[in-house]
Amino acid sequence: KFVPQGKIVQTTKEGWKFVWKRMMAELAPQDKTGSYKRPSYSFGGKIGGADGRYPDEAGRYHLYVGNPCPWCHRARLVLALRSITNDEIGMTQLVDDPVKASRGGWIFSQTNRDPLGSTDLRELYDKLSPGFTGRCTAPLLVDLKTRKIVSNESSDIVRMLNSVHMGKKNSKERIQLYPSELAKTIDETNAWVYELLNNGVYRCGFSTSQGAYDRASADVRQGLQKCE
């Protein structure tokens, strides 16, 4: 005897809805209106900071990045534009493979091994910050000497990479991406580009209600118009 078509369709819809909600809760936290809310970042260290925890030393820090991630791209761009070598700040390329990853999507491959011996980013976070329950995101900047996470916030990492000297007393040959005379303009531009475009497209893609999507898409259109 055949199962009624209506039951098959209804069960499939409910199953898909359940899986989709669980996936969204993991990848894209929502508020009550269905709007995507980017989680706060848990690590606020600074290379060369006043507290002296992370001195500006060559060969001490390691950056983990992944090609599919635009937030990783800007960290890599600063390394390239400022000619920061792998001997000064090491870098490991992550692979996006949510099937093999224990949580999230980032793993280490045979050709891009973790210098600390982890198999995926979740394991690395566990090693460096035991008990951490947040999202395991990249880019990730790590102090290999103390085995501590310096930062996993791309904008903070970019500013750090722009200011490091890596033990060189004279680093005038390195390009300055945040000159003091343009700092105010850069900050103002970054603020609206981030809210309307960089984060706006995430808010569109991760919206779980029509109202949330409409608000986010309106911001993206406003941002594109402002760029023109």
N, C-alpha and C. Protein backbone atom coordinates (compact mmCIF):
# COMPACT_ATOMS: atom_id res chain seq x y z
N LYS A 1 0.85 -1.20 0.00
CA LYS A 1 0.00 0.00 0.00
C LYS A 1 0.88 1.24 0.00
N PHE A 2 0.57 2.17 -0.91
CA PHE A 2 1.37 3.37 -1.06
C PHE A 2 1.08 4.38 0.05
N VAL A 3 2.12 5.10 0.46
CA VAL A 3 1.95 6.21 1.40
C VAL A 3 1.32 7.35 0.63
N PRO A 4 0.29 7.98 1.19
CA PRO A 4 -0.36 9.09 0.49
C PRO A 4 0.63 10.19 0.11
N GLN A 5 0.45 10.70 -1.09
CA GLN A 5 1.36 11.74 -1.58
C GLN A 5 1.42 12.93 -0.64
N GLY A 6 0.30 13.32 -0.08
CA GLY A 6 0.26 14.48 0.82
C GLY A 6 1.17 14.31 2.02
N LYS A 7 1.20 13.10 2.58
CA LYS A 7 2.05 12.84 3.74
C LYS A 7 3.53 12.90 3.36
N ILE A 8 3.85 12.38 2.17
CA ILE A 8 5.24 12.43 1.71
C ILE A 8 5.70 13.88 1.55
N VAL A 9 4.86 14.68 0.90
CA VAL A 9 5.21 16.08 0.67
C VAL A 9 5.34 16.83 1.99
N GLN A 10 4.37 16.64 2.89
CA GLN A 10 4.39 17.34 4.17
C GLN A 10 5.60 16.94 5.01
N THR A 11 5.90 15.63 5.04
CA THR A 11 7.05 15.16 5.82
C THR A 11 8.35 15.71 5.26
N THR A 12 8.46 15.73 3.94
CA THR A 12 9.66 16.27 3.31
C THR A 12 9.82 17.75 3.61
N LYS A 13 8.72 18.51 3.53
CA LYS A 13 8.78 19.94 3.81
C LYS A 13 9.20 20.21 5.25
N GLU A 14 8.61 19.46 6.19
CA GLU A 14 8.94 19.65 7.60
C GLU A 14 10.39 19.25 7.89
N GLY A 15 10.85 18.17 7.25
CA GLY A 15 12.23 17.74 7.44
C GLY A 15 13.22 18.76 6.91
N TRP A 16 12.93 19.28 5.71
CA TRP A 16 13.80 20.30 5.13
C TRP A 16 13.81 21.56 5.99
N LYS A 17 12.64 21.95 6.49
CA LYS A 17 12.54 23.15 7.32
C LYS A 17 13.37 23.00 8.59
N PHE A 18 13.31 21.81 9.20
CA PHE A 18 14.06 21.55 10.43
C PHE A 18 15.56 21.63 10.16
N VAL A 19 16.02 20.95 9.11
CA VAL A 19 17.44 20.94 8.78
C VAL A 19 17.92 22.35 8.43
N TRP A 20 17.11 23.07 7.66
CA TRP A 20 17.48 24.42 7.24
C TRP A 20 17.61 25.34 8.44
N LYS A 21 16.70 25.26 9.40
CA LYS A 21 16.77 26.10 10.59
C LYS A 21 17.99 25.78 11.43
N ARG A 22 18.32 24.49 11.56
CA ARG A 22 19.50 24.11 12.32
C ARG A 22 20.77 24.63 11.65
N MET A 23 20.82 24.53 10.32
CA MET A 23 21.98 25.00 9.58
C MET A 23 22.13 26.51 9.73
N MET A 24 21.03 27.25 9.61
CA MET A 24 21.07 28.70 9.73
C MET A 24 21.47 29.14 11.13
N ALA A 25 21.00 28.40 12.15
CA ALA A 25 21.36 28.74 13.52
C ALA A 25 22.86 28.59 13.74
N GLU A 26 23.48 27.63 13.06
CA GLU A 26 24.92 27.40 13.20
C GLU A 26 25.71 28.43 12.39
N LEU A 27 25.29 28.67 11.15
CA LEU A 27 26.05 29.53 10.26
C LEU A 27 25.69 31.00 10.37
N ALA A 28 24.43 31.29 10.69
CA ALA A 28 23.95 32.67 10.62
C ALA A 28 22.92 32.94 11.72
N PRO A 29 23.35 33.32 12.90
CA PRO A 29 22.41 33.62 13.99
C PRO A 29 21.42 34.71 13.61
N GLN A 30 20.18 34.55 14.06
CA GLN A 30 19.10 35.47 13.70
C GLN A 30 18.51 36.14 14.94
N ASP A 31 17.88 37.31 14.72
CA ASP A 31 17.08 37.90 15.79
C ASP A 31 15.62 37.48 15.58
N LYS A 32 14.72 38.02 16.38
CA LYS A 32 13.33 37.60 16.33
C LYS A 32 12.62 38.01 15.05
N THR A 33 13.19 38.99 14.33
CA THR A 33 12.57 39.44 13.08
C THR A 33 13.07 38.66 11.87
N GLY A 34 14.02 37.73 12.08
CA GLY A 34 14.59 36.98 10.96
C GLY A 34 15.78 37.65 10.33
N SER A 35 16.30 38.70 10.98
CA SER A 35 17.47 39.40 10.46
C SER A 35 18.75 38.75 10.95
N TYR A 36 19.73 38.65 10.05
CA TYR A 36 21.03 38.09 10.41
C TYR A 36 21.75 39.03 11.38
N LYS A 37 22.28 38.47 12.46
CA LYS A 37 23.04 39.23 13.44
C LYS A 37 24.43 38.63 13.53
N ARG A 38 25.40 39.40 13.05
CA ARG A 38 26.77 38.90 13.09
C ARG A 38 27.25 38.79 14.53
N PRO A 39 27.76 37.62 14.92
CA PRO A 39 28.22 37.43 16.31
C PRO A 39 29.41 38.33 16.63
N SER A 40 29.54 38.70 17.88
CA SER A 40 30.69 39.48 18.31
C SER A 40 31.92 38.57 18.34
N TYR A 41 33.08 39.17 18.23
CA TYR A 41 34.32 38.40 18.22
C TYR A 41 34.91 38.34 19.62
N SER A 42 35.56 37.24 19.91
CA SER A 42 35.93 36.92 21.29
C SER A 42 37.38 37.26 21.65
N PHE A 43 38.18 37.65 20.69
CA PHE A 43 39.60 37.86 20.97
C PHE A 43 40.00 39.26 20.51
N GLY A 44 40.60 40.01 21.40
CA GLY A 44 40.93 41.40 21.08
C GLY A 44 42.37 41.76 21.29
N GLY A 45 43.29 40.84 21.00
CA GLY A 45 44.71 41.13 21.17
C GLY A 45 45.23 42.05 20.08
N LYS A 46 46.43 42.56 20.31
CA LYS A 46 47.03 43.48 19.34
C LYS A 46 48.54 43.32 19.33
N ILE A 47 49.10 43.06 18.14
CA ILE A 47 50.55 43.01 18.01
C ILE A 47 51.10 44.41 18.25
N GLY A 48 52.07 44.51 19.15
CA GLY A 48 52.65 45.81 19.47
C GLY A 48 51.78 46.65 20.37
N GLY A 49 50.80 46.04 21.02
CA GLY A 49 49.90 46.78 21.90
C GLY A 49 50.60 47.26 23.17
N ALA A 50 49.95 48.22 23.85
CA ALA A 50 50.53 48.81 25.04
C ALA A 50 50.69 47.82 26.19
N ASP A 51 49.88 46.76 26.19
CA ASP A 51 49.96 45.79 27.28
C ASP A 51 51.17 44.86 27.17
N GLY A 52 51.84 44.87 26.01
CA GLY A 52 53.06 44.10 25.84
C GLY A 52 52.86 42.60 25.68
N ARG A 53 51.63 42.13 25.58
CA ARG A 53 51.38 40.69 25.47
C ARG A 53 51.88 40.13 24.15
N TYR A 54 51.77 40.91 23.09
CA TYR A 54 52.13 40.41 21.76
C TYR A 54 53.13 41.36 21.11
N PRO A 55 54.41 41.22 21.43
CA PRO A 55 55.43 42.12 20.87
C PRO A 55 55.58 41.96 19.36
N ASP A 56 56.05 43.00 18.74
CA ASP A 56 56.22 43.05 17.29
C ASP A 56 57.50 42.31 16.92
N GLU A 57 57.38 40.98 16.75
CA GLU A 57 58.54 40.14 16.47
C GLU A 57 58.32 39.31 15.22
N ALA A 58 59.33 39.21 14.41
CA ALA A 58 59.25 38.39 13.21
C ALA A 58 59.29 36.91 13.57
N GLY A 59 58.52 36.10 12.84
CA GLY A 59 58.53 34.66 13.02
C GLY A 59 57.68 34.16 14.17
N ARG A 60 56.99 35.05 14.85
CA ARG A 60 56.23 34.67 16.05
C ARG A 60 54.76 34.38 15.74
N TYR A 61 54.23 35.00 14.70
CA TYR A 61 52.78 34.95 14.46
C TYR A 61 52.45 34.17 13.19
N HIS A 62 51.24 33.63 13.20
CA HIS A 62 50.79 32.82 12.07
C HIS A 62 49.35 33.19 11.72
N LEU A 63 49.10 33.32 10.42
CA LEU A 63 47.78 33.72 9.93
C LEU A 63 47.13 32.55 9.19
N TYR A 64 45.89 32.25 9.56
CA TYR A 64 45.13 31.20 8.90
C TYR A 64 44.04 31.85 8.04
N VAL A 65 44.01 31.49 6.76
CA VAL A 65 43.07 32.10 5.82
C VAL A 65 42.47 31.04 4.91
N GLY A 66 41.34 31.39 4.26
CA GLY A 66 40.71 30.50 3.30
C GLY A 66 40.27 31.28 2.07
N ASN A 67 40.53 30.74 0.89
CA ASN A 67 40.21 31.45 -0.35
C ASN A 67 38.74 31.81 -0.53
N PRO A 68 37.77 30.98 -0.11
CA PRO A 68 36.36 31.34 -0.34
C PRO A 68 35.88 32.52 0.52
N CYS A 69 36.69 32.95 1.48
CA CYS A 69 36.25 33.97 2.43
C CYS A 69 36.76 35.36 2.07
N PRO A 70 35.86 36.32 1.80
CA PRO A 70 36.31 37.67 1.45
C PRO A 70 36.98 38.39 2.61
N TRP A 71 36.63 38.03 3.85
CA TRP A 71 37.28 38.65 5.01
C TRP A 71 38.74 38.22 5.09
N CYS A 72 39.03 37.00 4.64
CA CYS A 72 40.41 36.53 4.58
C CYS A 72 41.18 37.25 3.48
N HIS A 73 40.50 37.56 2.40
CA HIS A 73 41.18 38.20 1.27
C HIS A 73 41.85 39.50 1.67
N ARG A 74 41.16 40.30 2.48
CA ARG A 74 41.76 41.60 2.78
C ARG A 74 42.99 41.45 3.68
N ALA A 75 43.01 40.43 4.52
CA ALA A 75 44.21 40.18 5.32
C ALA A 75 45.38 39.77 4.41
N ARG A 76 45.08 38.91 3.44
CA ARG A 76 46.12 38.48 2.50
C ARG A 76 46.61 39.65 1.64
N LEU A 77 45.70 40.53 1.29
CA LEU A 77 46.08 41.69 0.48
C LEU A 77 47.07 42.58 1.22
N VAL A 78 46.86 42.77 2.52
CA VAL A 78 47.78 43.60 3.30
C VAL A 78 49.15 42.95 3.36
N LEU A 79 49.19 41.64 3.55
CA LEU A 79 50.48 40.94 3.54
C LEU A 79 51.21 41.19 2.22
N ALA A 80 50.48 41.08 1.11
CA ALA A 80 51.09 41.25 -0.21
C ALA A 80 51.51 42.69 -0.47
N LEU A 81 50.62 43.63 -0.17
CA LEU A 81 50.91 45.04 -0.46
C LEU A 81 52.06 45.58 0.38
N ARG A 82 52.20 45.05 1.59
CA ARG A 82 53.27 45.52 2.48
C ARG A 82 54.50 44.62 2.43
N SER A 83 54.48 43.65 1.52
CA SER A 83 55.63 42.76 1.33
C SER A 83 56.07 42.09 2.63
N ILE A 84 55.08 41.66 3.41
CA ILE A 84 55.37 40.91 4.64
C ILE A 84 55.61 39.46 4.25
N THR A 85 56.79 38.97 4.52
CA THR A 85 57.18 37.64 4.07
C THR A 85 56.67 36.54 4.99
N ASN A 86 56.75 35.32 4.49
CA ASN A 86 56.31 34.16 5.29
C ASN A 86 57.23 33.93 6.49
N ASP A 87 58.47 34.41 6.39
CA ASP A 87 59.39 34.31 7.53
C ASP A 87 59.01 35.29 8.63
N GLU A 88 58.37 36.37 8.25
CA GLU A 88 57.96 37.38 9.23
C GLU A 88 56.63 37.00 9.88
N ILE A 89 55.64 36.71 9.06
CA ILE A 89 54.35 36.20 9.54
C ILE A 89 53.96 35.04 8.64
N GLY A 90 53.93 33.85 9.22
CA GLY A 90 53.59 32.66 8.45
C GLY A 90 52.12 32.64 8.08
N MET A 91 51.78 31.86 7.08
CA MET A 91 50.39 31.77 6.65
C MET A 91 50.07 30.34 6.22
N THR A 92 48.90 29.87 6.62
CA THR A 92 48.42 28.56 6.20
C THR A 92 47.07 28.71 5.52
N GLN A 93 46.95 28.05 4.36
CA GLN A 93 45.72 28.09 3.58
C GLN A 93 44.76 27.00 4.05
N LEU A 94 43.57 27.40 4.49
CA LEU A 94 42.55 26.45 4.90
C LEU A 94 41.76 25.97 3.69
N VAL A 95 41.15 24.81 3.83
CA VAL A 95 40.30 24.23 2.78
C VAL A 95 38.87 24.19 3.29
N ASP A 96 37.94 24.61 2.45
CA ASP A 96 36.52 24.62 2.83
C ASP A 96 35.92 23.24 2.53
N ASP A 97 35.68 22.47 3.59
CA ASP A 97 35.12 21.13 3.43
C ASP A 97 34.24 20.81 4.64
N PRO A 98 32.97 21.24 4.62
CA PRO A 98 32.09 21.02 5.77
C PRO A 98 31.76 19.55 6.03
N VAL A 99 32.00 18.69 5.06
CA VAL A 99 31.76 17.26 5.28
C VAL A 99 32.82 16.68 6.23
N LYS A 100 34.06 17.06 6.03
CA LYS A 100 35.15 16.53 6.85
C LYS A 100 35.36 17.32 8.13
N ALA A 101 34.95 18.58 8.16
CA ALA A 101 35.16 19.41 9.34
C ALA A 101 34.28 18.94 10.50
N SER A 102 34.83 18.97 11.72
CA SER A 102 34.05 18.57 12.89
C SER A 102 33.00 19.61 13.23
N ARG A 103 33.26 20.86 12.86
CA ARG A 103 32.28 21.93 13.02
C ARG A 103 32.67 23.08 12.11
N GLY A 104 31.69 23.76 11.55
CA GLY A 104 32.01 24.80 10.58
C GLY A 104 32.42 24.15 9.27
N GLY A 105 33.41 24.74 8.58
CA GLY A 105 33.77 24.19 7.28
C GLY A 105 35.25 24.08 7.00
N TRP A 106 36.09 24.67 7.87
CA TRP A 106 37.50 24.77 7.54
C TRP A 106 38.30 23.57 8.04
N ILE A 107 39.11 23.00 7.13
CA ILE A 107 40.00 21.90 7.49
C ILE A 107 41.40 22.19 6.96
N PHE A 108 42.35 21.37 7.38
CA PHE A 108 43.71 21.42 6.85
C PHE A 108 43.91 20.25 5.91
N SER A 109 44.58 20.50 4.80
CA SER A 109 44.81 19.45 3.81
C SER A 109 46.21 18.87 3.96
N GLN A 110 46.50 17.85 3.17
CA GLN A 110 47.83 17.23 3.20
C GLN A 110 48.91 18.19 2.73
N THR A 111 48.54 19.10 1.84
CA THR A 111 49.52 20.05 1.30
C THR A 111 49.55 21.35 2.09
N ASN A 112 48.58 21.57 2.96
CA ASN A 112 48.54 22.78 3.79
C ASN A 112 48.26 22.37 5.24
N ARG A 113 49.29 21.83 5.87
CA ARG A 113 49.15 21.31 7.22
C ARG A 113 49.24 22.44 8.25
N ASP A 114 48.60 22.20 9.38
CA ASP A 114 48.67 23.15 10.49
C ASP A 114 50.01 22.99 11.20
N PRO A 115 50.76 24.07 11.41
CA PRO A 115 52.03 23.95 12.13
C PRO A 115 51.85 23.47 13.57
N LEU A 116 50.62 23.57 14.10
CA LEU A 116 50.35 23.09 15.45
C LEU A 116 49.70 21.70 15.46
N GLY A 117 49.56 21.09 14.28
CA GLY A 117 49.14 19.71 14.19
C GLY A 117 47.64 19.45 14.23
N SER A 118 46.81 20.46 14.01
CA SER A 118 45.36 20.26 14.03
C SER A 118 44.87 19.72 12.70
N THR A 119 43.73 19.04 12.71
CA THR A 119 43.15 18.52 11.48
C THR A 119 42.11 19.47 10.90
N ASP A 120 41.48 20.27 11.76
CA ASP A 120 40.55 21.28 11.27
C ASP A 120 40.57 22.50 12.20
N LEU A 121 39.85 23.54 11.82
CA LEU A 121 39.91 24.79 12.57
C LEU A 121 39.29 24.66 13.96
N ARG A 122 38.25 23.82 14.08
CA ARG A 122 37.64 23.58 15.38
C ARG A 122 38.66 23.03 16.38
N GLU A 123 39.47 22.07 15.93
CA GLU A 123 40.49 21.48 16.79
C GLU A 123 41.54 22.51 17.17
N LEU A 124 41.89 23.39 16.24
CA LEU A 124 42.87 24.43 16.53
C LEU A 124 42.34 25.39 17.59
N TYR A 125 41.09 25.81 17.45
CA TYR A 125 40.49 26.68 18.47
C TYR A 125 40.50 26.00 19.84
N ASP A 126 40.18 24.72 19.87
CA ASP A 126 40.16 23.97 21.12
C ASP A 126 41.54 23.94 21.78
N LYS A 127 42.58 23.82 20.95
CA LYS A 127 43.94 23.79 21.48
C LYS A 127 44.35 25.15 22.05
N LEU A 128 43.99 26.21 21.34
CA LEU A 128 44.45 27.54 21.71
C LEU A 128 43.57 28.21 22.75
N SER A 129 42.29 27.85 22.76
CA SER A 129 41.35 28.46 23.70
C SER A 129 40.40 27.38 24.23
N PRO A 130 40.87 26.51 25.13
CA PRO A 130 40.04 25.42 25.65
C PRO A 130 38.73 25.93 26.24
N GLY A 131 37.64 25.26 25.88
CA GLY A 131 36.34 25.65 26.37
C GLY A 131 35.63 26.69 25.52
N PHE A 132 36.28 27.13 24.45
CA PHE A 132 35.66 28.12 23.57
C PHE A 132 34.41 27.54 22.91
N THR A 133 33.31 28.28 22.95
CA THR A 133 32.04 27.78 22.42
C THR A 133 31.52 28.61 21.25
N GLY A 134 32.27 29.61 20.81
CA GLY A 134 31.81 30.45 19.71
C GLY A 134 32.05 29.81 18.35
N ARG A 135 31.85 30.60 17.31
CA ARG A 135 32.05 30.12 15.95
C ARG A 135 33.54 30.14 15.61
N CYS A 136 33.99 29.10 14.92
CA CYS A 136 35.41 28.97 14.57
C CYS A 136 35.63 29.60 13.20
N THR A 137 35.97 30.87 13.18
CA THR A 137 36.03 31.63 11.94
C THR A 137 37.47 31.94 11.54
N ALA A 138 37.63 32.30 10.29
CA ALA A 138 38.88 32.78 9.73
C ALA A 138 38.57 34.14 9.07
N PRO A 139 39.59 35.02 8.98
CA PRO A 139 40.99 34.81 9.30
C PRO A 139 41.23 34.68 10.81
N LEU A 140 42.31 34.00 11.11
CA LEU A 140 42.68 33.78 12.50
C LEU A 140 44.17 34.07 12.65
N LEU A 141 44.50 34.98 13.56
CA LEU A 141 45.90 35.34 13.81
C LEU A 141 46.32 34.75 15.15
N VAL A 142 47.40 33.97 15.14
CA VAL A 142 47.82 33.20 16.31
C VAL A 142 49.25 33.54 16.70
N ASP A 143 49.49 33.60 18.01
CA ASP A 143 50.84 33.73 18.55
C ASP A 143 51.37 32.32 18.80
N LEU A 144 52.30 31.89 17.97
CA LEU A 144 52.83 30.53 18.09
C LEU A 144 53.68 30.34 19.35
N LYS A 145 54.27 31.41 19.84
CA LYS A 145 55.13 31.30 21.01
C LYS A 145 54.33 31.00 22.28
N THR A 146 53.22 31.72 22.45
CA THR A 146 52.40 31.50 23.65
C THR A 146 51.23 30.56 23.39
N ARG A 147 51.03 30.21 22.11
CA ARG A 147 49.89 29.38 21.69
C ARG A 147 48.57 30.03 22.13
N LYS A 148 48.44 31.29 21.80
CA LYS A 148 47.23 32.04 22.10
C LYS A 148 46.68 32.66 20.82
N ILE A 149 45.36 32.83 20.78
CA ILE A 149 44.73 33.53 19.66
C ILE A 149 44.87 35.02 19.89
N VAL A 150 45.45 35.72 18.92
CA VAL A 150 45.55 37.17 19.00
C VAL A 150 44.23 37.81 18.60
N SER A 151 43.72 37.42 17.43
CA SER A 151 42.46 37.98 16.94
C SER A 151 41.86 37.10 15.86
N ASN A 152 40.53 37.12 15.79
CA ASN A 152 39.83 36.50 14.66
C ASN A 152 38.87 37.50 14.02
N GLU A 153 39.18 38.78 14.19
CA GLU A 153 38.38 39.85 13.58
C GLU A 153 39.19 40.47 12.44
N SER A 154 38.72 40.33 11.22
CA SER A 154 39.52 40.71 10.05
C SER A 154 39.92 42.18 10.05
N SER A 155 39.04 43.08 10.47
CA SER A 155 39.39 44.51 10.45
C SER A 155 40.51 44.81 11.43
N ASP A 156 40.50 44.16 12.59
CA ASP A 156 41.59 44.35 13.56
C ASP A 156 42.89 43.76 13.03
N ILE A 157 42.80 42.60 12.40
CA ILE A 157 43.99 41.96 11.84
C ILE A 157 44.61 42.83 10.75
N VAL A 158 43.76 43.40 9.89
CA VAL A 158 44.25 44.27 8.83
C VAL A 158 45.01 45.47 9.40
N ARG A 159 44.46 46.09 10.44
CA ARG A 159 45.13 47.24 11.05
C ARG A 159 46.46 46.83 11.69
N MET A 160 46.48 45.67 12.31
CA MET A 160 47.73 45.19 12.89
C MET A 160 48.79 44.96 11.82
N LEU A 161 48.39 44.28 10.75
CA LEU A 161 49.35 43.98 9.68
C LEU A 161 49.86 45.26 9.01
N ASN A 162 49.05 46.30 9.04
CA ASN A 162 49.46 47.57 8.45
C ASN A 162 50.45 48.33 9.33
N SER A 163 50.50 48.00 10.61
CA SER A 163 51.35 48.77 11.53
C SER A 163 52.60 48.03 11.99
N VAL A 164 52.69 46.72 11.72
CA VAL A 164 53.83 45.97 12.24
C VAL A 164 55.13 46.33 11.52
N HIS A 165 56.22 46.22 12.26
CA HIS A 165 57.56 46.45 11.70
C HIS A 165 58.35 45.15 11.62
N MET A 166 57.92 44.14 12.38
CA MET A 166 58.57 42.84 12.41
C MET A 166 60.06 42.94 12.73
N GLY A 167 60.36 43.79 13.75
CA GLY A 167 61.73 43.90 14.22
C GLY A 167 62.61 44.83 13.41
N LYS A 168 62.09 45.36 12.30
CA LYS A 168 62.89 46.25 11.47
C LYS A 168 62.75 47.69 11.97
N LYS A 169 63.89 48.31 12.30
CA LYS A 169 63.86 49.68 12.82
C LYS A 169 63.40 50.66 11.75
N ASN A 170 63.80 50.39 10.52
CA ASN A 170 63.42 51.28 9.43
C ASN A 170 62.50 50.51 8.47
N SER A 171 61.22 50.80 8.54
CA SER A 171 60.27 50.09 7.67
C SER A 171 59.59 51.06 6.70
N LYS A 172 60.29 52.14 6.36
CA LYS A 172 59.71 53.13 5.47
C LYS A 172 59.45 52.57 4.07
N GLU A 173 60.16 51.48 3.73
CA GLU A 173 59.96 50.90 2.41
C GLU A 173 58.60 50.21 2.30
N ARG A 174 57.96 49.93 3.42
CA ARG A 174 56.64 49.31 3.40
C ARG A 174 55.57 50.37 3.17
N ILE A 175 54.63 50.06 2.29
CA ILE A 175 53.55 51.00 2.00
C ILE A 175 52.67 51.20 3.24
N GLN A 176 52.20 52.42 3.44
CA GLN A 176 51.32 52.73 4.56
C GLN A 176 49.88 52.83 4.03
N LEU A 177 49.04 51.89 4.46
CA LEU A 177 47.66 51.81 3.96
C LEU A 177 46.67 52.61 4.79
N TYR A 178 47.15 53.19 5.89
CA TYR A 178 46.27 53.97 6.77
C TYR A 178 47.00 55.24 7.21
N PRO A 179 47.33 56.11 6.23
CA PRO A 179 48.05 57.33 6.57
C PRO A 179 47.21 58.24 7.46
N SER A 180 47.85 58.90 8.39
CA SER A 180 47.14 59.71 9.38
C SER A 180 46.29 60.80 8.74
N GLU A 181 46.75 61.37 7.63
CA GLU A 181 46.00 62.46 6.99
C GLU A 181 44.72 61.97 6.31
N LEU A 182 44.62 60.66 6.09
CA LEU A 182 43.41 60.10 5.47
C LEU A 182 42.60 59.23 6.43
N ALA A 183 43.03 59.16 7.67
CA ALA A 183 42.40 58.24 8.63
C ALA A 183 40.91 58.52 8.80
N LYS A 184 40.53 59.77 8.94
CA LYS A 184 39.13 60.10 9.15
C LYS A 184 38.28 59.69 7.95
N THR A 185 38.76 59.99 6.74
CA THR A 185 38.03 59.62 5.53
C THR A 185 37.92 58.10 5.39
N ILE A 186 39.01 57.40 5.70
CA ILE A 186 39.00 55.94 5.61
C ILE A 186 37.98 55.36 6.59
N ASP A 187 37.98 55.86 7.82
CA ASP A 187 37.05 55.35 8.84
C ASP A 187 35.60 55.59 8.44
N GLU A 188 35.32 56.78 7.93
CA GLU A 188 33.95 57.11 7.52
C GLU A 188 33.51 56.23 6.35
N THR A 189 34.39 56.02 5.38
CA THR A 189 34.07 55.18 4.22
C THR A 189 33.87 53.73 4.65
N ASN A 190 34.78 53.25 5.48
CA ASN A 190 34.67 51.86 5.96
C ASN A 190 33.34 51.61 6.67
N ALA A 191 32.89 52.60 7.43
CA ALA A 191 31.67 52.43 8.23
C ALA A 191 30.46 52.15 7.34
N TRP A 192 30.25 52.99 6.30
CA TRP A 192 29.06 52.77 5.48
C TRP A 192 29.24 51.62 4.47
N VAL A 193 30.46 51.41 4.00
CA VAL A 193 30.68 50.28 3.09
C VAL A 193 30.42 48.96 3.83
N TYR A 194 30.87 48.89 5.07
CA TYR A 194 30.64 47.67 5.85
C TYR A 194 29.15 47.46 6.10
N GLU A 195 28.48 48.47 6.61
CA GLU A 195 27.08 48.31 7.01
C GLU A 195 26.17 48.06 5.81
N LEU A 196 26.34 48.81 4.73
CA LEU A 196 25.43 48.71 3.59
C LEU A 196 25.80 47.59 2.62
N LEU A 197 27.10 47.33 2.44
CA LEU A 197 27.51 46.39 1.40
C LEU A 197 28.16 45.11 1.97
N ASN A 198 29.29 45.27 2.65
CA ASN A 198 30.01 44.07 3.11
C ASN A 198 29.14 43.19 3.99
N ASN A 199 28.48 43.81 4.96
CA ASN A 199 27.59 43.04 5.82
C ASN A 199 26.18 42.97 5.24
N GLY A 200 25.86 43.92 4.38
CA GLY A 200 24.53 43.94 3.78
C GLY A 200 24.22 42.71 2.95
N VAL A 201 25.21 42.24 2.20
CA VAL A 201 24.96 41.06 1.37
C VAL A 201 24.77 39.81 2.24
N TYR A 202 25.46 39.75 3.38
CA TYR A 202 25.23 38.65 4.32
C TYR A 202 23.83 38.71 4.89
N ARG A 203 23.38 39.92 5.23
CA ARG A 203 22.04 40.09 5.78
C ARG A 203 20.98 39.70 4.76
N CYS A 204 21.26 39.94 3.49
CA CYS A 204 20.33 39.49 2.43
C CYS A 204 20.30 37.96 2.36
N GLY A 205 21.46 37.37 2.22
CA GLY A 205 21.54 35.94 2.01
C GLY A 205 21.08 35.11 3.18
N PHE A 206 21.24 35.64 4.39
CA PHE A 206 20.88 34.88 5.58
C PHE A 206 19.56 35.31 6.21
N SER A 207 18.81 36.15 5.54
CA SER A 207 17.51 36.55 6.07
C SER A 207 16.57 35.35 6.10
N THR A 208 15.76 35.25 7.15
CA THR A 208 14.80 34.15 7.24
C THR A 208 13.36 34.67 7.27
N SER A 209 13.18 35.94 6.91
CA SER A 209 11.83 36.49 6.77
C SER A 209 11.85 37.48 5.63
N GLN A 210 10.70 37.71 5.01
CA GLN A 210 10.63 38.62 3.88
C GLN A 210 10.97 40.05 4.31
N GLY A 211 10.49 40.45 5.49
CA GLY A 211 10.77 41.79 5.97
C GLY A 211 12.25 42.04 6.18
N ALA A 212 12.94 41.06 6.75
CA ALA A 212 14.38 41.19 6.97
C ALA A 212 15.12 41.29 5.64
N TYR A 213 14.69 40.48 4.67
CA TYR A 213 15.33 40.53 3.35
C TYR A 213 15.09 41.88 2.67
N ASP A 214 13.89 42.39 2.77
CA ASP A 214 13.58 43.67 2.14
C ASP A 214 14.44 44.80 2.72
N ARG A 215 14.60 44.80 4.03
CA ARG A 215 15.42 45.83 4.67
C ARG A 215 16.88 45.72 4.25
N ALA A 216 17.38 44.49 4.22
CA ALA A 216 18.78 44.28 3.85
C ALA A 216 19.03 44.63 2.39
N SER A 217 18.13 44.22 1.50
CA SER A 217 18.33 44.51 0.08
C SER A 217 18.24 46.00 -0.20
N ALA A 218 17.41 46.72 0.56
CA ALA A 218 17.33 48.18 0.41
C ALA A 218 18.66 48.83 0.79
N ASP A 219 19.30 48.30 1.83
CA ASP A 219 20.61 48.83 2.23
C ASP A 219 21.66 48.57 1.16
N VAL A 220 21.63 47.39 0.56
CA VAL A 220 22.61 47.06 -0.49
C VAL A 220 22.41 48.00 -1.68
N ARG A 221 21.18 48.23 -2.08
CA ARG A 221 20.92 49.14 -3.19
C ARG A 221 21.41 50.55 -2.85
N GLN A 222 21.18 50.98 -1.62
CA GLN A 222 21.65 52.30 -1.19
C GLN A 222 23.17 52.38 -1.25
N GLY A 223 23.82 51.31 -0.81
CA GLY A 223 25.28 51.29 -0.84
C GLY A 223 25.83 51.33 -2.25
N LEU A 224 25.21 50.60 -3.18
CA LEU A 224 25.66 50.61 -4.56
C LEU A 224 25.46 51.98 -5.20
N GLN A 225 24.34 52.60 -4.88
CA GLN A 225 24.08 53.95 -5.40
C GLN A 225 25.10 54.95 -4.85
N LYS A 226 25.47 54.77 -3.58
CA LYS A 226 26.44 55.67 -2.97
C LYS A 226 27.82 55.50 -3.60
N CYS A 227 28.14 54.26 -3.98
CA CYS A 227 29.42 54.01 -4.65
C CYS A 227 29.48 54.74 -6.00
N GLU A 228 28.34 54.78 -6.69
CA GLU A 228 28.32 55.45 -7.99
C GLU A 228 28.49 56.96 -7.86
